[in-house]
Amino acid sequence: KVNIFYRWSKEQGYTAMDITVEKPYRPVVNEIGTLSNRQVRALIDHCDDNILGHLWLCLCLGLRRAEATKVDKLTCRDNYLIVGSEAAKTKTRRVIPLLSGYTSYWQRVQSLPNLRKRMEHLKRKAGIATWPRNCMRHTAASHWLNFYQDEAKAALHLGHSPTILHRHYKALVTRKESEEFFELWGQAR
């Protein structure tokens, strides 16, 4: 938007006195926030058995919170987690290969009331004060991108395009951090 204020004089007629240009409002894009491996370890260590399955779905596998709560639309078969089209944000069914030992987490997945309160309680117990928006998915996505070393495979796993994956999750964590991340889940209960 441009504002122009004019001044009138007999000698010069109308002359522009003040010109201001207003730029459209654009919200500041926040950096993608992830959890450190130390924070992930604290969450696993302080997690009650009844929400460990939910934590695994969101923080380890990278399911969206809304997808993870639709437990009846998720299945586990032949070492694959199948996110049904009714659960997926994109309404497209996806099949996620599970790492060795992950099916034991699937047995802990259950539909839970008051999940938000339970997660808030877990964050307090784990001593995590700062919780970036969507940090569980962002953490998982960053590590899976390192694991696959292939944007297309990681994008299929997470249910979005390679472009979005590259734009948001590339270089947020190191290969060593990703190795440690997956070891944490392998060592957990």
Protein backbone atom coordinates (compact mmCIF):
# COMPACT_ATOMS: atom_id res chain seq x y z
CA LYS A 1 0.00 0.00 0.00
CA VAL A 2 1.39 3.41 -0.94
CA ASN A 3 0.36 6.65 0.78
CA ILE A 4 1.19 9.92 -0.99
CA PHE A 5 0.57 13.27 0.64
CA TYR A 6 0.54 16.38 -1.58
CA ARG A 7 1.17 20.03 -0.89
CA TRP A 8 -0.29 22.86 -2.95
CA SER A 9 1.57 26.02 -3.84
CA LYS A 10 0.85 28.65 -6.51
CA GLU A 11 4.36 28.42 -7.92
CA GLN A 12 4.64 24.63 -8.21
CA GLY A 13 1.06 23.39 -8.03
CA TYR A 14 0.68 20.02 -6.35
CA THR A 15 3.95 18.43 -5.22
CA ALA A 16 4.45 15.21 -3.40
CA MET A 17 5.34 16.05 0.16
CA ASP A 18 5.55 12.65 1.82
CA ILE A 19 5.49 9.18 0.32
CA THR A 20 5.21 6.13 2.56
CA VAL A 21 5.08 2.53 1.48
CA GLU A 22 3.42 0.03 3.77
CA LYS A 23 4.54 -3.55 3.27
CA PRO A 24 1.97 -6.29 3.76
CA TYR A 25 2.14 -8.09 7.09
CA ARG A 26 4.05 -11.34 6.88
CA PRO A 27 4.36 -13.41 10.01
CA VAL A 28 7.86 -14.36 11.04
CA VAL A 29 8.54 -17.95 10.11
CA ASN A 30 9.84 -19.76 13.16
CA GLU A 31 12.70 -22.15 12.97
CA ILE A 32 11.80 -25.82 13.07
CA GLY A 33 12.25 -26.99 16.67
CA THR A 34 13.48 -30.46 17.55
CA LEU A 35 14.20 -32.27 20.80
CA SER A 36 17.73 -33.23 21.74
CA ASN A 37 18.63 -36.87 22.36
CA ARG A 38 18.99 -36.03 26.03
CA GLN A 39 15.39 -34.79 26.07
CA VAL A 40 14.22 -37.87 24.16
CA ARG A 41 15.97 -40.09 26.71
CA ALA A 42 14.29 -38.17 29.55
CA LEU A 43 10.88 -38.60 27.94
CA ILE A 44 11.38 -42.35 27.47
CA ASP A 45 12.71 -42.77 31.01
CA HIS A 46 9.82 -40.88 32.62
CA CYS A 47 7.08 -42.21 30.37
CA ASP A 48 4.29 -44.22 31.96
CA ASP A 49 3.71 -47.57 30.28
CA ASN A 50 0.23 -46.58 29.14
CA ILE A 51 1.44 -43.70 26.89
CA LEU A 52 4.73 -45.21 25.70
CA GLY A 53 2.99 -46.47 22.55
CA HIS A 54 1.74 -42.96 21.74
CA LEU A 55 5.19 -41.48 22.39
CA TRP A 56 6.71 -44.06 20.05
CA LEU A 57 4.21 -43.30 17.28
CA CYS A 58 4.80 -39.53 17.42
CA LEU A 59 8.40 -39.11 18.56
CA CYS A 60 10.03 -42.15 17.02
CA LEU A 61 7.99 -42.85 13.90
CA GLY A 62 6.93 -39.25 13.25
CA LEU A 63 3.17 -39.68 12.97
CA ARG A 64 1.18 -36.50 13.29
CA ARG A 65 -0.58 -36.13 16.63
CA ALA A 66 -3.98 -36.46 14.95
CA GLU A 67 -2.86 -39.62 13.12
CA ALA A 68 -1.52 -41.21 16.30
CA THR A 69 -4.79 -40.70 18.15
CA LYS A 70 -6.78 -42.64 15.53
CA VAL A 71 -5.53 -45.97 16.86
CA ASP A 72 -8.38 -47.91 15.29
CA LYS A 73 -7.20 -46.74 11.83
CA LEU A 74 -3.62 -48.00 12.38
CA THR A 75 -2.50 -51.60 11.92
CA CYS A 76 0.76 -53.45 12.29
CA ARG A 77 1.42 -56.39 9.98
CA ASP A 78 4.60 -58.19 8.88
CA ASN A 79 6.85 -55.62 10.56
CA TYR A 80 5.09 -52.66 8.88
CA LEU A 81 2.92 -49.98 10.43
CA ILE A 82 0.01 -49.15 8.15
CA VAL A 83 -1.52 -45.71 8.56
CA GLY A 84 -4.99 -45.98 7.08
CA SER A 85 -6.32 -43.31 4.74
CA GLU A 86 -8.91 -42.30 7.35
CA ALA A 87 -6.13 -41.56 9.84
CA ALA A 88 -3.70 -39.84 7.47
CA LYS A 89 -3.86 -36.07 7.06
CA THR A 90 -3.42 -36.43 3.30
CA LYS A 91 -6.15 -39.12 3.18
CA THR A 92 -3.60 -41.40 1.53
CA ARG A 93 -2.73 -44.74 3.10
CA ARG A 94 0.95 -45.19 3.85
CA VAL A 95 3.07 -48.14 4.90
CA ILE A 96 6.01 -47.57 7.25
CA PRO A 97 8.68 -50.26 7.61
CA LEU A 98 9.56 -50.85 11.26
CA LEU A 99 13.06 -51.34 12.58
CA SER A 100 13.95 -54.53 14.41
CA GLY A 101 12.29 -54.73 17.83
CA TYR A 102 9.70 -52.02 17.11
CA THR A 103 6.72 -54.35 17.07
CA SER A 104 6.96 -54.54 20.88
CA TYR A 105 6.07 -50.83 20.94
CA TRP A 106 3.06 -51.50 18.76
CA GLN A 107 1.69 -53.80 21.47
CA ARG A 108 1.62 -50.77 23.80
CA VAL A 109 -0.36 -48.54 21.44
CA GLN A 110 -3.83 -47.87 22.79
CA SER A 111 -6.55 -45.27 22.61
CA LEU A 112 -6.27 -43.01 25.65
CA PRO A 113 -8.52 -40.35 27.15
CA ASN A 114 -6.93 -37.09 28.32
CA LEU A 115 -3.87 -37.60 26.14
CA ARG A 116 -2.97 -33.90 26.15
CA LYS A 117 -2.92 -33.83 29.97
CA ARG A 118 -0.89 -37.03 30.07
CA MET A 119 1.68 -35.55 27.69
CA GLU A 120 1.86 -32.32 29.72
CA HIS A 121 2.49 -34.41 32.84
CA LEU A 122 5.22 -36.37 31.02
CA LYS A 123 6.95 -33.18 29.85
CA ARG A 124 7.01 -31.87 33.44
CA LYS A 125 8.34 -35.17 34.80
CA ALA A 126 11.06 -35.22 32.13
CA GLY A 127 12.03 -31.63 33.00
CA ILE A 128 11.35 -30.22 29.55
CA ALA A 129 10.35 -26.57 29.82
CA THR A 130 10.49 -25.56 26.16
CA TRP A 131 8.33 -27.55 23.77
CA PRO A 132 8.53 -26.23 20.18
CA ARG A 133 5.43 -26.62 18.03
CA ASN A 134 5.24 -30.11 16.45
CA CYS A 135 8.66 -30.95 17.88
CA MET A 136 8.01 -34.70 18.14
CA ARG A 137 7.27 -35.00 14.42
CA HIS A 138 10.09 -32.63 13.50
CA THR A 139 12.55 -34.62 15.61
CA ALA A 140 11.49 -37.92 14.06
CA ALA A 141 11.47 -36.52 10.52
CA SER A 142 14.99 -35.17 10.89
CA HIS A 143 16.30 -38.52 12.09
CA TRP A 144 14.44 -40.58 9.48
CA LEU A 145 15.83 -38.36 6.73
CA ASN A 146 19.32 -39.18 7.99
CA PHE A 147 18.42 -42.86 8.33
CA TYR A 148 17.11 -43.27 4.79
CA GLN A 149 19.59 -40.88 3.15
CA ASP A 150 16.89 -40.55 0.51
CA GLU A 151 14.34 -37.73 0.52
CA ALA A 152 11.75 -39.72 -1.45
CA LYS A 153 11.81 -42.67 0.99
CA ALA A 154 11.67 -40.39 4.01
CA ALA A 155 8.81 -38.41 2.45
CA LEU A 156 6.83 -41.63 1.88
CA HIS A 157 7.44 -42.61 5.49
CA LEU A 158 6.22 -39.24 6.79
CA GLY A 159 3.40 -38.66 4.32
CA HIS A 160 4.43 -35.50 2.51
CA SER A 161 6.49 -34.32 -0.45
CA PRO A 162 10.29 -34.49 -0.76
CA THR A 163 10.29 -30.71 -1.29
CA ILE A 164 8.67 -30.06 2.09
CA LEU A 165 10.94 -32.61 3.72
CA HIS A 166 14.05 -30.95 2.28
CA ARG A 167 12.86 -27.45 3.13
CA HIS A 168 12.02 -28.19 6.76
CA TYR A 169 14.14 -31.07 8.01
CA LYS A 170 17.44 -31.15 6.12
CA ALA A 171 20.53 -30.70 8.32
CA LEU A 172 18.68 -30.27 11.63
CA VAL A 173 20.54 -33.20 13.19
CA THR A 174 23.80 -34.97 12.45
CA ARG A 175 24.25 -38.61 11.40
CA LYS A 176 25.80 -39.38 14.79
CA GLU A 177 22.81 -37.84 16.59
CA SER A 178 20.47 -39.95 14.45
CA GLU A 179 22.37 -43.14 15.28
CA GLU A 180 22.09 -42.29 18.98
CA PHE A 181 18.38 -41.50 18.55
CA PHE A 182 17.60 -44.94 17.12
CA GLU A 183 19.77 -46.61 19.77
CA LEU A 184 17.62 -44.92 22.45
CA TRP A 185 14.52 -46.61 21.06
CA GLY A 186 16.34 -49.93 20.73
CA GLN A 187 17.37 -49.79 24.41
CA ALA A 188 14.02 -48.62 25.75
CA ARG A 189 11.83 -51.03 27.66
